C-alpha atoms as a PDB file:
ATOM      1  CA  MET A   1      -0.051   0.014   0.033  1.00  0.00           C
ATOM      2  CA  ARG A   2       1.387   3.419  -0.961  1.00  0.00           C
ATOM      3  CA  PHE A   3       0.669   4.927   2.395  1.00  0.00           C
ATOM      4  CA  LYS A   4       2.858   2.418   4.227  1.00  0.00           C
ATOM      5  CA  ARG A   5       5.659   2.833   1.567  1.00  0.00           C
ATOM      6  CA  GLU A   6       5.586   6.593   1.840  1.00  0.00           C
ATOM      7  CA  LEU A   7       5.109   6.868   5.522  1.00  0.00           C
ATOM      8  CA  PRO A   8       6.738   3.754   7.005  1.00  0.00           C
ATOM      9  CA  ASP A   9       7.255   5.166  10.506  1.00  0.00           C
ATOM     10  CA  LEU A  10       3.706   6.267  11.086  1.00  0.00           C
ATOM     11  CA  ALA A  11       0.999   4.150  12.683  1.00  0.00           C
ATOM     12  CA  LEU A  12      -1.801   4.234  10.079  1.00  0.00           C
ATOM     13  CA  GLU A  13      -5.511   3.553  10.637  1.00  0.00           C
ATOM     14  CA  CYS A  14      -8.180   3.367   7.973  1.00  0.00           C
ATOM     15  CA  ILE A  15     -11.545   4.265   9.219  1.00  0.00           C
ATOM     16  CA  LYS A  16     -14.511   3.508   6.931  1.00  0.00           C
ATOM     17  CA  THR A  17     -17.994   4.610   8.290  1.00  0.00           C
ATOM     18  CA  ASP A  18     -21.349   5.469   7.064  1.00  0.00           C
ATOM     19  CA  VAL A  19     -20.968   8.725   5.240  1.00  0.00           C
ATOM     20  CA  GLN A  20     -23.628   9.536   2.669  1.00  0.00           C
ATOM     21  CA  ARG A  21     -22.029   9.966  -0.661  1.00  0.00           C
ATOM     22  CA  GLY A  22     -20.618  13.531  -0.933  1.00  0.00           C
ATOM     23  CA  SER A  23     -21.917  14.612   2.368  1.00  0.00           C
ATOM     24  CA  ILE A  24     -19.529  16.909   4.102  1.00  0.00           C
ATOM     25  CA  SER A  25     -21.961  17.390   6.983  1.00  0.00           C
ATOM     26  CA  ASP A  26     -21.837  13.621   7.649  1.00  0.00           C
ATOM     27  CA  ALA A  27     -17.995  13.718   7.409  1.00  0.00           C
ATOM     28  CA  ALA A  28     -17.901  16.562   9.904  1.00  0.00           C
ATOM     29  CA  PHE A  29     -20.221  14.716  12.351  1.00  0.00           C
ATOM     30  CA  VAL A  30     -18.086  11.624  12.240  1.00  0.00           C
ATOM     31  CA  LEU A  31     -14.829  13.657  12.623  1.00  0.00           C
ATOM     32  CA  ASP A  32     -16.348  15.466  15.673  1.00  0.00           C
ATOM     33  CA  ALA A  33     -16.879  12.065  17.343  1.00  0.00           C
ATOM     34  CA  LEU A  34     -13.409  10.656  16.319  1.00  0.00           C
ATOM     35  CA  LEU A  35     -11.131  13.520  17.352  1.00  0.00           C
ATOM     36  CA  PRO A  36     -11.367  12.980  21.107  1.00  0.00           C
ATOM     37  CA  GLU A  37     -10.183   9.371  20.705  1.00  0.00           C
ATOM     38  CA  PHE A  38      -6.858  10.265  19.082  1.00  0.00           C
ATOM     39  CA  PRO A  39      -3.735  11.853  20.615  1.00  0.00           C
ATOM     40  CA  ALA A  40      -2.413  15.258  20.044  1.00  0.00           C
ATOM     41  CA  GLY A  41      -0.481  15.467  16.807  1.00  0.00           C
ATOM     42  CA  SER A  42      -2.614  12.935  14.959  1.00  0.00           C
ATOM     43  CA  ILE A  43      -3.074  13.620  11.154  1.00  0.00           C
ATOM     44  CA  HIS A  44      -6.462  12.877   9.701  1.00  0.00           C
ATOM     45  CA  ILE A  45      -7.140  12.672   6.062  1.00  0.00           C
ATOM     46  CA  ILE A  46     -10.919  13.275   4.984  1.00  0.00           C
ATOM     47  CA  ASP A  47     -11.443  12.086   1.543  1.00  0.00           C
ATOM     48  CA  VAL A  48     -14.992  13.411   0.942  1.00  0.00           C
ATOM     49  CA  GLU A  49     -15.989  15.856  -1.809  1.00  0.00           C
ATOM     50  CA  SER A  50     -12.211  16.056  -2.807  1.00  0.00           C
ATOM     51  CA  ASP A  51     -12.375  17.127  -6.313  1.00  0.00           C
ATOM     52  CA  LEU A  52      -9.729  19.712  -6.075  1.00  0.00           C
ATOM     53  CA  HIS A  53     -10.497  21.255  -9.468  1.00  0.00           C
ATOM     54  CA  ARG A  54     -13.621  22.423  -7.848  1.00  0.00           C
ATOM     55  CA  PHE A  55     -12.738  22.540  -4.163  1.00  0.00           C
ATOM     56  CA  GLY A  56      -8.957  23.654  -4.172  1.00  0.00           C
ATOM     57  CA  PRO A  57      -6.646  24.350  -2.662  1.00  0.00           C
ATOM     58  CA  ALA A  58      -6.442  21.541  -0.145  1.00  0.00           C
ATOM     59  CA  LEU A  59      -6.243  22.664   3.424  1.00  0.00           C
ATOM     60  CA  PHE A  60      -4.414  21.824   6.668  1.00  0.00           C
ATOM     61  CA  GLY A  61      -6.631  22.526   9.586  1.00  0.00           C
ATOM     62  CA  LYS A  62      -5.502  22.245  13.162  1.00  0.00           C
ATOM     63  CA  VAL A  63      -8.301  21.198  15.511  1.00  0.00           C
ATOM     64  CA  LYS A  64      -7.906  20.208  19.213  1.00  0.00           C
ATOM     65  CA  ASP A  65      -4.270  20.016  18.627  1.00  0.00           C
ATOM     66  CA  GLN A  66      -4.647  17.534  15.663  1.00  0.00           C
ATOM     67  CA  TRP A  67      -4.430  17.932  11.972  1.00  0.00           C
ATOM     68  CA  VAL A  68      -7.193  17.663   9.503  1.00  0.00           C
ATOM     69  CA  ILE A  69      -6.258  17.436   5.729  1.00  0.00           C
ATOM     70  CA  CYS A  70      -9.265  18.064   3.535  1.00  0.00           C
ATOM     71  CA  ALA A  71     -10.503  19.967   0.470  1.00  0.00           C
ATOM     72  CA  ASN A  72     -11.627  23.560   0.697  1.00  0.00           C
ATOM     73  CA  ASN A  73     -15.322  22.426   0.733  1.00  0.00           C
ATOM     74  CA  GLY A  74     -16.596  23.808   3.992  1.00  0.00           C
ATOM     75  CA  LEU A  75     -16.006  20.869   6.201  1.00  0.00           C
ATOM     76  CA  LEU A  76     -13.751  22.584   8.521  1.00  0.00           C
ATOM     77  CA  SER A  77     -16.470  25.324   9.143  1.00  0.00           C
ATOM     78  CA  LEU A  78     -18.987  22.564  10.231  1.00  0.00           C
ATOM     79  CA  LEU A  79     -16.855  21.159  13.149  1.00  0.00           C
ATOM     80  CA  GLU A  80     -18.237  21.648  16.541  1.00  0.00           C
ATOM     81  CA  GLU A  81     -14.925  23.416  17.563  1.00  0.00           C
ATOM     82  CA  ALA A  82     -13.596  25.976  15.242  1.00  0.00           C
ATOM     83  CA  PRO A  83     -10.067  25.278  13.903  1.00  0.00           C
ATOM     84  CA  GLU A  84      -7.162  26.832  15.840  1.00  0.00           C
ATOM     85  CA  PHE A  85      -5.359  27.474  12.472  1.00  0.00           C
ATOM     86  CA  ILE A  86      -5.941  26.803   8.802  1.00  0.00           C
ATOM     87  CA  ALA A  87      -3.241  26.825   6.038  1.00  0.00           C
ATOM     88  CA  ALA A  88      -3.415  26.144   2.283  1.00  0.00           C
ATOM     89  CA  GLU A  89      -1.310  23.646   0.450  1.00  0.00           C
ATOM     90  CA  GLN A  90       1.400  25.600  -1.189  1.00  0.00           C
ATOM     91  CA  ASN A  91       3.411  23.017  -3.274  1.00  0.00           C
ATOM     92  CA  GLY A  92       1.195  22.591  -6.325  1.00  0.00           C
ATOM     93  CA  TRP A  93      -0.224  19.243  -5.175  1.00  0.00           C
ATOM     94  CA  SER A  94      -3.725  20.428  -5.285  1.00  0.00           C
ATOM     95  CA  LYS A  95      -3.639  21.088  -9.000  1.00  0.00           C
ATOM     96  CA  GLU A  96      -1.773  17.858  -9.555  1.00  0.00           C
ATOM     97  CA  GLY A  97      -4.293  15.880  -7.557  1.00  0.00           C
ATOM     98  CA  GLY A  98      -7.485  17.015  -9.154  1.00  0.00           C
ATOM     99  CA  VAL A  99      -9.924  14.195  -8.723  1.00  0.00           C
ATOM    100  CA  ASN A 100      -7.246  11.854  -7.417  1.00  0.00           C
ATOM    101  CA  ALA A 101      -6.630  13.888  -4.274  1.00  0.00           C
ATOM    102  CA  LEU A 102      -6.103  11.149  -1.781  1.00  0.00           C
ATOM    103  CA  LEU A 103      -2.662   9.898  -3.318  1.00  0.00           C
ATOM    104  CA  ARG A 104      -1.485  12.821  -5.196  1.00  0.00           C
ATOM    105  CA  THR A 105      -2.297  15.573  -2.876  1.00  0.00           C
ATOM    106  CA  PHE A 106      -3.412  14.472   0.637  1.00  0.00           C
ATOM    107  CA  LEU A 107      -0.628  11.881   0.956  1.00  0.00           C
ATOM    108  CA  PRO A 108       2.183  14.265   0.240  1.00  0.00           C
ATOM    109  CA  MET A 109       0.559  16.761   2.568  1.00  0.00           C
ATOM    110  CA  ALA A 110       0.472  14.243   5.450  1.00  0.00           C
ATOM    111  CA  LYS A 111       4.105  13.315   4.728  1.00  0.00           C
ATOM    112  CA  GLN A 112       5.122  16.965   4.837  1.00  0.00           C
ATOM    113  CA  LEU A 113       3.266  17.375   8.202  1.00  0.00           C
ATOM    114  CA  SER A 114       4.992  14.214   9.626  1.00  0.00           C
ATOM    115  CA  GLU A 115       8.464  15.534   8.567  1.00  0.00           C
ATOM    116  CA  GLN A 116       8.234  19.266   9.036  1.00  0.00           C
ATOM    117  CA  GLY A 117       5.260  19.961  11.326  1.00  0.00           C
ATOM    118  CA  ASP A 118       3.807  23.512  10.464  1.00  0.00           C
ATOM    119  CA  LYS A 119       7.058  24.867   9.486  1.00  0.00           C
ATOM    120  CA  GLY A 120       6.564  27.593   6.891  1.00  0.00           C
ATOM    121  CA  MET A 121       2.756  27.412   6.955  1.00  0.00           C
ATOM    122  CA  LYS A 122       0.854  30.692   6.553  1.00  0.00           C
ATOM    123  CA  SER A 123      -2.693  31.356   7.869  1.00  0.00           C
ATOM    124  CA  PHE A 124      -5.276  31.013   5.069  1.00  0.00           C
ATOM    125  CA  THR A 125      -8.711  32.646   5.437  1.00  0.00           C
ATOM    126  CA  GLU A 126     -10.279  32.154   1.976  1.00  0.00           C
ATOM    127  CA  ILE A 127     -12.115  28.984   3.116  1.00  0.00           C
ATOM    128  CA  GLN A 128     -15.595  27.843   2.103  1.00  0.00           C
ATOM    129  CA  GLU A 129     -18.015  28.427   4.898  1.00  0.00           C
ATOM    130  CA  LYS A 130     -21.021  26.291   5.607  1.00  0.00           C
ATOM    131  CA  ALA A 131     -23.673  26.915   8.477  1.00  0.00           C
ATOM    132  CA  ARG A 132     -24.119  24.355  11.175  1.00  0.00           C
ATOM    133  CA  LEU A 133     -27.764  23.454  11.583  1.00  0.00           C
ATOM    134  CA  GLN A 134     -28.874  24.378  14.988  1.00  0.00           C
ATOM    135  CA  PRO A 135     -32.027  23.291  17.014  1.00  0.00           C
ATOM    136  CA  VAL A 136     -34.707  25.796  17.548  1.00  0.00           C
ATOM    137  CA  ILE A 137     -35.268  26.104  21.287  1.00  0.00           C
ATOM    138  CA  THR A 138     -38.175  27.893  23.171  1.00  0.00           C
ATOM    139  CA  ASP A 139     -39.456  27.724  26.716  1.00  0.00           C
ATOM    140  CA  ASN A 140     -42.172  25.201  25.659  1.00  0.00           C
ATOM    141  CA  GLU A 141     -40.793  23.555  22.559  1.00  0.00           C
ATOM    142  CA  VAL A 142     -37.610  22.286  20.959  1.00  0.00           C
ATOM    143  CA  ARG A 143     -37.392  21.580  17.318  1.00  0.00           C
ATOM    144  CA  ALA A 144     -34.436  19.400  16.325  1.00  0.00           C
ATOM    145  CA  THR A 145     -33.314  18.033  12.968  1.00  0.00           C
ATOM    146  CA  VAL A 146     -31.954  14.548  11.995  1.00  0.00           C
ATOM    147  CA  ILE A 147     -28.451  15.212  11.009  1.00  0.00           C
ATOM    148  CA  TYR A 148     -27.051  11.603  10.625  1.00  0.00           C
ATOM    149  CA  ASN A 149     -28.258   8.063  10.144  1.00  0.00           C
ATOM    150  CA  ASP A 150     -25.921   5.395  11.354  1.00  0.00           C
ATOM    151  CA  HIS A 151     -25.734   1.821   9.736  1.00  0.00           C
ATOM    152  CA  PHE A 152     -28.258   0.678  12.420  1.00  0.00           C
ATOM    153  CA  GLY A 153     -30.820   3.016  11.186  1.00  0.00           C
ATOM    154  CA  ASN A 154     -30.594   5.147  14.183  1.00  0.00           C
ATOM    155  CA  ALA A 155     -31.662   8.804  13.715  1.00  0.00           C
ATOM    156  CA  ILE A 156     -29.166  11.194  15.372  1.00  0.00           C
ATOM    157  CA  THR A 157     -30.369  14.690  15.888  1.00  0.00           C
ATOM    158  CA  ASN A 158     -28.568  18.009  16.471  1.00  0.00           C
ATOM    159  CA  LEU A 159     -30.097  18.288  19.969  1.00  0.00           C
ATOM    160  CA  LYS A 160     -27.531  18.000  22.694  1.00  0.00           C
ATOM    161  CA  LYS A 161     -28.455  16.964  26.223  1.00  0.00           C
ATOM    162  CA  GLU A 162     -26.981  19.936  27.942  1.00  0.00           C
ATOM    163  CA  ASP A 163     -29.297  22.238  25.717  1.00  0.00           C
ATOM    164  CA  LEU A 164     -32.296  20.182  26.483  1.00  0.00           C
ATOM    165  CA  ASP A 165     -31.472  20.092  30.153  1.00  0.00           C
ATOM    166  CA  GLN A 166     -31.240  23.847  30.297  1.00  0.00           C
ATOM    167  CA  VAL A 167     -34.861  24.491  28.873  1.00  0.00           C
ATOM    168  CA  ALA A 168     -36.595  21.336  30.345  1.00  0.00           C
ATOM    169  CA  LYS A 169     -35.933  21.969  34.011  1.00  0.00           C
ATOM    170  CA  GLY A 170     -38.029  19.112  35.233  1.00  0.00           C
ATOM    171  CA  LYS A 171     -40.901  19.715  32.853  1.00  0.00           C
ATOM    172  CA  ARG A 172     -42.811  16.777  31.441  1.00  0.00           C
ATOM    173  CA  MET A 173     -41.653  15.865  27.922  1.00  0.00           C
ATOM    174  CA  ALA A 174     -43.144  14.451  24.779  1.00  0.00           C
ATOM    175  CA  ILE A 175     -40.967  13.730  21.762  1.00  0.00           C
ATOM    176  CA  ILE A 176     -43.109  13.958  18.609  1.00  0.00           C
ATOM    177  CA  LEU A 177     -41.663  11.659  15.775  1.00  0.00           C
ATOM    178  CA  GLY A 178     -44.898  11.781  13.556  1.00  0.00           C
ATOM    179  CA  ARG A 179     -48.573  11.972  13.627  1.00  0.00           C
ATOM    180  CA  HIS A 180     -48.947   8.636  15.625  1.00  0.00           C
ATOM    181  CA  ASP A 181     -45.421   8.272  17.042  1.00  0.00           C
ATOM    182  CA  ARG A 182     -44.373   9.924  20.322  1.00  0.00           C
ATOM    183  CA  LEU A 183     -42.080   9.080  23.373  1.00  0.00           C
ATOM    184  CA  THR A 184     -42.298  10.464  26.946  1.00  0.00           C
ATOM    185  CA  ARG A 185     -38.898   9.531  28.080  1.00  0.00           C
ATOM    186  CA  ILE A 186     -35.316   9.217  27.077  1.00  0.00           C
ATOM    187  CA  SER A 187     -33.811   5.794  27.979  1.00  0.00           C
ATOM    188  CA  GLN A 188     -30.248   5.265  29.296  1.00  0.00           C
ATOM    189  CA  PHE A 189     -29.624   2.613  26.635  1.00  0.00           C
ATOM    190  CA  PHE A 190     -31.460   0.596  23.956  1.00  0.00           C
ATOM    191  CA  GLY A 191     -31.544  -2.540  26.129  1.00  0.00           C
ATOM    192  CA  GLU A 192     -34.193  -0.974  28.345  1.00  0.00           C
ATOM    193  CA  ALA A 193     -36.663  -1.449  25.510  1.00  0.00           C
ATOM    194  CA  GLU A 194     -38.309  -4.595  24.040  1.00  0.00           C
ATOM    195  CA  GLU A 195     -37.509  -5.876  20.521  1.00  0.00           C
ATOM    196  CA  GLY A 196     -39.333  -3.642  18.110  1.00  0.00           C
ATOM    197  CA  ASP A 197     -39.929  -0.743  20.446  1.00  0.00           C
ATOM    198  CA  VAL A 198     -39.106   2.747  19.549  1.00  0.00           C
ATOM    199  CA  VAL A 199     -36.582   4.339  21.988  1.00  0.00           C
ATOM    200  CA  ALA A 200     -34.721   7.631  22.594  1.00  0.00           C
ATOM    201  CA  THR A 201     -31.207   7.682  23.962  1.00  0.00           C
ATOM    202  CA  TRP A 202     -28.175   9.925  24.140  1.00  0.00           C
ATOM    203  CA  THR A 203     -25.127   9.092  21.856  1.00  0.00           C
ATOM    204  CA  GLU A 204     -21.805   8.967  23.460  1.00  0.00           C
ATOM    205  CA  ASP A 205     -21.353  12.542  22.377  1.00  0.00           C
ATOM    206  CA  ASN A 206     -24.666  13.576  24.040  1.00  0.00           C
ATOM    207  CA  TYR A 207     -26.718  13.992  20.984  1.00  0.00           C
ATOM    208  CA  LEU A 208     -30.493  12.922  21.004  1.00  0.00           C
ATOM    209  CA  GLN A 209     -31.018   9.711  18.908  1.00  0.00           C
ATOM    210  CA  ILE A 210     -34.096   7.892  17.984  1.00  0.00           C
ATOM    211  CA  GLY A 211     -33.864   4.139  17.234  1.00  0.00           C
ATOM    212  CA  ILE A 212     -35.947   0.944  17.205  1.00  0.00           C
ATOM    213  CA  TYR A 213     -34.479  -1.851  19.300  1.00  0.00           C
ATOM    214  CA  HIS A 214     -33.460  -4.498  16.558  1.00  0.00           C
ATOM    215  CA  GLY A 215     -34.978  -2.305  13.900  1.00  0.00           C
ATOM    216  CA  ASP A 216     -34.392   0.583  11.456  1.00  0.00           C
ATOM    217  CA  ALA A 217     -35.897   3.791  12.699  1.00  0.00           C
ATOM    218  CA  ALA A 218     -34.760   5.739   9.668  1.00  0.00           C
ATOM    219  CA  ARG A 219     -36.602   3.520   7.329  1.00  0.00           C
ATOM    220  CA  LEU A 220     -39.592   2.374   9.469  1.00  0.00           C
ATOM    221  CA  LEU A 221     -40.426   5.779  10.996  1.00  0.00           C
ATOM    222  CA  GLY A 222     -39.337   8.084   8.061  1.00  0.00           C
ATOM    223  CA  LEU A 223     -36.551   9.537  10.117  1.00  0.00           C
ATOM    224  CA  ALA A 224     -34.033  10.148   7.317  1.00  0.00           C
ATOM    225  CA  LYS A 225     -31.536  12.941   7.464  1.00  0.00           C
ATOM    226  CA  GLY A 226     -33.277  16.339   7.270  1.00  0.00           C
ATOM    227  CA  LYS A 227     -36.499  15.121   9.126  1.00  0.00           C
ATOM    228  CA  MET A 228     -37.601  17.392  11.835  1.00  0.00           C
ATOM    229  CA  ILE A 229     -38.338  16.021  15.534  1.00  0.00           C
ATOM    230  CA  THR A 230     -40.321  18.089  17.979  1.00  0.00           C
ATOM    231  CA  VAL A 231     -39.832  18.015  21.786  1.00  0.00           C
ATOM    232  CA  GLU A 232     -42.886  19.471  23.658  1.00  0.00           C
ATOM    233  CA  LEU A 233     -42.407  20.645  27.121  1.00  0.00           C
ATOM    234  CA  VAL A 234     -45.169  21.077  29.568  1.00  0.00           C
END
Protein backbone atom coordinates (compact mmCIF):
# COMPACT_ATOMS: atom_id res chain seq x y z
CA MET A 1 0.00 0.00 0.00
CA ARG A 2 1.40 3.39 -0.99
CA PHE A 3 0.64 4.95 2.41
CA LYS A 4 2.89 2.43 4.17
CA ARG A 5 5.63 2.85 1.58
CA GLU A 6 5.62 6.65 1.77
CA LEU A 7 5.15 6.89 5.54
CA PRO A 8 6.78 3.75 6.98
CA ASP A 9 7.33 5.21 10.46
CA LEU A 10 3.73 6.33 11.03
CA ALA A 11 0.98 4.26 12.63
CA LEU A 12 -1.81 4.23 10.05
CA GLU A 13 -5.48 3.55 10.65
CA CYS A 14 -8.12 3.45 7.92
CA ILE A 15 -11.61 4.26 9.19
CA LYS A 16 -14.58 3.52 6.97
CA THR A 17 -17.95 4.64 8.25
CA ASP A 18 -21.42 5.48 7.02
CA VAL A 19 -21.07 8.80 5.23
CA GLN A 20 -23.69 9.58 2.63
CA ARG A 21 -21.96 10.02 -0.71
CA GLY A 22 -20.60 13.55 -0.96
CA SER A 23 -22.00 14.63 2.41
CA ILE A 24 -19.51 16.91 4.14
CA SER A 25 -21.99 17.35 7.02
CA ASP A 26 -21.85 13.59 7.66
CA ALA A 27 -18.05 13.71 7.46
CA ALA A 28 -17.90 16.60 9.94
CA PHE A 29 -20.23 14.78 12.36
CA VAL A 30 -18.09 11.62 12.27
CA LEU A 31 -14.87 13.60 12.62
CA ASP A 32 -16.22 15.46 15.66
CA ALA A 33 -16.90 12.08 17.28
CA LEU A 34 -13.46 10.67 16.39
CA LEU A 35 -11.16 13.54 17.35
CA PRO A 36 -11.38 12.99 21.13
CA GLU A 37 -10.26 9.36 20.62
CA PHE A 38 -6.89 10.31 19.09
CA PRO A 39 -3.77 11.82 20.67
CA ALA A 40 -2.39 15.29 20.00
CA GLY A 41 -0.45 15.51 16.77
CA SER A 42 -2.57 12.94 14.93
CA ILE A 43 -3.09 13.57 11.21
CA HIS A 44 -6.55 12.90 9.74
CA ILE A 45 -7.17 12.74 5.98
CA ILE A 46 -10.82 13.33 5.06
CA ASP A 47 -11.47 12.12 1.52
CA VAL A 48 -15.02 13.40 1.02
CA GLU A 49 -15.96 15.83 -1.80
CA SER A 50 -12.28 15.97 -2.73
CA ASP A 51 -12.37 17.12 -6.36
CA LEU A 52 -9.64 19.73 -6.07
CA HIS A 53 -10.45 21.23 -9.47
CA ARG A 54 -13.64 22.38 -7.78
CA PHE A 55 -12.68 22.54 -4.10
CA GLY A 56 -9.06 23.58 -4.17
CA PRO A 57 -6.69 24.33 -2.69
CA ALA A 58 -6.41 21.52 -0.19
CA LEU A 59 -6.23 22.63 3.44
CA PHE A 60 -4.37 21.86 6.63
CA GLY A 61 -6.63 22.52 9.62
CA LYS A 62 -5.49 22.31 13.23
CA VAL A 63 -8.33 21.21 15.50
CA LYS A 64 -7.96 20.15 19.14
CA ASP A 65 -4.18 19.99 18.63
CA GLN A 66 -4.60 17.53 15.75
CA TRP A 67 -4.32 18.03 11.99
CA VAL A 68 -7.13 17.62 9.48
CA ILE A 69 -6.32 17.47 5.77
CA CYS A 70 -9.27 18.00 3.45
CA ALA A 71 -10.54 19.89 0.42
CA ASN A 72 -11.70 23.49 0.73
CA ASN A 73 -15.33 22.36 0.70
CA GLY A 74 -16.68 23.83 3.96
CA LEU A 75 -15.99 20.81 6.17
CA LEU A 76 -13.75 22.67 8.60
CA SER A 77 -16.46 25.29 9.19
CA LEU A 78 -18.95 22.55 10.18
CA LEU A 79 -16.88 21.16 13.05
CA GLU A 80 -18.23 21.70 16.55
CA GLU A 81 -14.99 23.40 17.60
CA ALA A 82 -13.56 25.99 15.22
CA PRO A 83 -10.05 25.21 13.92
CA GLU A 84 -7.21 26.93 15.74
CA PHE A 85 -5.32 27.43 12.48
CA ILE A 86 -5.90 26.82 8.77
CA ALA A 87 -3.26 26.79 6.05
CA ALA A 88 -3.48 26.10 2.32
CA GLU A 89 -1.30 23.61 0.47
CA GLN A 90 1.41 25.62 -1.33
CA ASN A 91 3.42 23.05 -3.32
CA GLY A 92 1.15 22.58 -6.32
CA TRP A 93 -0.13 19.20 -5.16
CA SER A 94 -3.75 20.41 -5.26
CA LYS A 95 -3.58 21.09 -9.01
CA GLU A 96 -1.74 17.82 -9.58
CA GLY A 97 -4.23 15.86 -7.51
CA GLY A 98 -7.44 17.04 -9.12
CA VAL A 99 -9.95 14.22 -8.73
CA ASN A 100 -7.21 11.88 -7.44
CA ALA A 101 -6.62 13.91 -4.31
CA LEU A 102 -6.04 11.09 -1.85
CA LEU A 103 -2.73 9.84 -3.23
CA ARG A 104 -1.51 12.82 -5.24
CA THR A 105 -2.33 15.60 -2.81
CA PHE A 106 -3.39 14.47 0.67
CA LEU A 107 -0.63 11.87 1.04
CA PRO A 108 2.19 14.33 0.22
CA MET A 109 0.57 16.80 2.63
CA ALA A 110 0.53 14.20 5.41
CA LYS A 111 4.16 13.37 4.68
CA GLN A 112 5.08 17.06 4.89
CA LEU A 113 3.32 17.38 8.24
CA SER A 114 4.98 14.26 9.65
CA GLU A 115 8.44 15.47 8.62
CA GLN A 116 8.26 19.25 9.03
CA GLY A 117 5.26 20.00 11.21
CA ASP A 118 3.75 23.43 10.51
CA LYS A 119 7.08 24.97 9.52
CA GLY A 120 6.57 27.63 6.86
CA MET A 121 2.78 27.43 6.89
CA LYS A 122 0.85 30.67 6.53
CA SER A 123 -2.66 31.35 7.78
CA PHE A 124 -5.33 30.99 5.08
CA THR A 125 -8.70 32.70 5.41
CA GLU A 126 -10.34 32.15 2.02
CA ILE A 127 -12.14 29.02 3.11
CA GLN A 128 -15.57 27.82 2.10
CA GLU A 129 -18.09 28.42 4.89
CA LYS A 130 -21.10 26.26 5.69
CA ALA A 131 -23.64 26.96 8.44
CA ARG A 132 -24.12 24.36 11.17
CA LEU A 133 -27.77 23.41 11.54
CA GLN A 134 -28.90 24.37 15.05
CA PRO A 135 -32.02 23.25 16.96
CA VAL A 136 -34.72 25.85 17.55
CA ILE A 137 -35.30 26.18 21.30
CA THR A 138 -38.11 28.00 23.12
CA ASP A 139 -39.46 27.69 26.67
CA ASN A 140 -42.10 25.14 25.66
CA GLU A 141 -40.73 23.47 22.56
CA VAL A 142 -37.56 22.27 20.91
CA ARG A 143 -37.40 21.57 17.18
CA ALA A 144 -34.46 19.34 16.34
CA THR A 145 -33.35 17.94 12.98
CA VAL A 146 -31.96 14.52 12.08
CA ILE A 147 -28.39 15.19 10.96
CA TYR A 148 -27.04 11.63 10.63
CA ASN A 149 -28.26 8.06 10.14
CA ASP A 150 -25.89 5.34 11.31
CA HIS A 151 -25.69 1.82 9.85
CA PHE A 152 -28.24 0.55 12.40
CA GLY A 153 -30.81 3.00 11.07
CA ASN A 154 -30.69 5.16 14.19
CA ALA A 155 -31.61 8.81 13.62
CA ILE A 156 -29.19 11.16 15.36
CA THR A 157 -30.38 14.73 15.83
CA ASN A 158 -28.61 18.04 16.41
CA LEU A 159 -30.07 18.37 19.92
CA LYS A 160 -27.52 18.03 22.70
CA LYS A 161 -28.33 16.91 26.24
CA GLU A 162 -27.06 20.09 27.89
CA ASP A 163 -29.29 22.23 25.67
CA LEU A 164 -32.40 20.21 26.47
CA ASP A 165 -31.56 20.09 30.19
CA GLN A 166 -31.26 23.86 30.27
CA VAL A 167 -34.77 24.45 28.93
CA ALA A 168 -36.56 21.36 30.30
CA LYS A 169 -35.78 21.91 34.01
CA GLY A 170 -38.03 19.11 35.25
CA LYS A 171 -40.90 19.72 32.82
CA ARG A 172 -42.84 16.82 31.37
CA MET A 173 -41.65 15.94 27.92
CA ALA A 174 -43.10 14.43 24.75
CA ILE A 175 -40.92 13.67 21.74
CA ILE A 176 -43.09 13.92 18.62
CA LEU A 177 -41.77 11.72 15.80
CA GLY A 178 -44.82 11.81 13.56
CA ARG A 179 -48.60 11.95 13.62
CA HIS A 180 -48.93 8.69 15.58
CA ASP A 181 -45.46 8.23 17.11
CA ARG A 182 -44.35 9.88 20.33
CA LEU A 183 -42.09 9.12 23.29
CA THR A 184 -42.33 10.44 26.83
CA ARG A 185 -38.88 9.52 28.14
CA ILE A 186 -35.26 9.22 27.15
CA SER A 187 -33.74 5.86 28.06
CA GLN A 188 -30.21 5.26 29.28
CA PHE A 189 -29.61 2.56 26.67
CA PHE A 190 -31.45 0.60 23.99
CA GLY A 191 -31.60 -2.54 26.11
CA GLU A 192 -34.28 -0.95 28.33
CA ALA A 193 -36.75 -1.47 25.47
CA GLU A 194 -38.34 -4.61 24.06
CA GLU A 195 -37.46 -5.79 20.58
CA GLY A 196 -39.27 -3.63 18.03
CA ASP A 197 -39.89 -0.77 20.47
CA VAL A 198 -39.07 2.81 19.54
CA VAL A 199 -36.57 4.30 21.96
CA ALA A 200 -34.78 7.62 22.50
CA THR A 201 -31.27 7.66 23.99
CA TRP A 202 -28.24 9.91 24.12
CA THR A 203 -25.21 9.10 21.98
CA GLU A 204 -21.75 8.95 23.51
CA ASP A 205 -21.37 12.57 22.42
CA ASN A 206 -24.70 13.52 24.06
CA TYR A 207 -26.80 13.98 20.92
CA LEU A 208 -30.42 12.84 21.05
CA GLN A 209 -30.95 9.79 18.88
CA ILE A 210 -34.09 7.84 18.00
CA GLY A 211 -33.90 4.15 17.23
CA ILE A 212 -35.88 0.93 17.14
CA TYR A 213 -34.46 -1.88 19.23
CA HIS A 214 -33.38 -4.43 16.61
CA GLY A 215 -35.02 -2.30 13.90
CA ASP A 216 -34.37 0.52 11.44
CA ALA A 217 -35.89 3.81 12.64
CA ALA A 218 -34.72 5.80 9.63
CA ARG A 219 -36.65 3.52 7.29
CA LEU A 220 -39.61 2.41 9.40
CA LEU A 221 -40.37 5.79 10.98
CA GLY A 222 -39.30 7.97 8.08
CA LEU A 223 -36.51 9.54 10.15
CA ALA A 224 -34.09 10.14 7.33
CA LYS A 225 -31.55 12.94 7.42
CA GLY A 226 -33.31 16.32 7.38
CA LYS A 227 -36.45 15.12 9.19
CA MET A 228 -37.66 17.40 11.99
CA ILE A 229 -38.40 16.07 15.49
CA THR A 230 -40.32 18.17 18.03
CA VAL A 231 -39.86 17.95 21.80
CA GLU A 232 -42.86 19.44 23.61
CA LEU A 233 -42.34 20.64 27.19
CA VAL A 234 -45.22 21.08 29.61
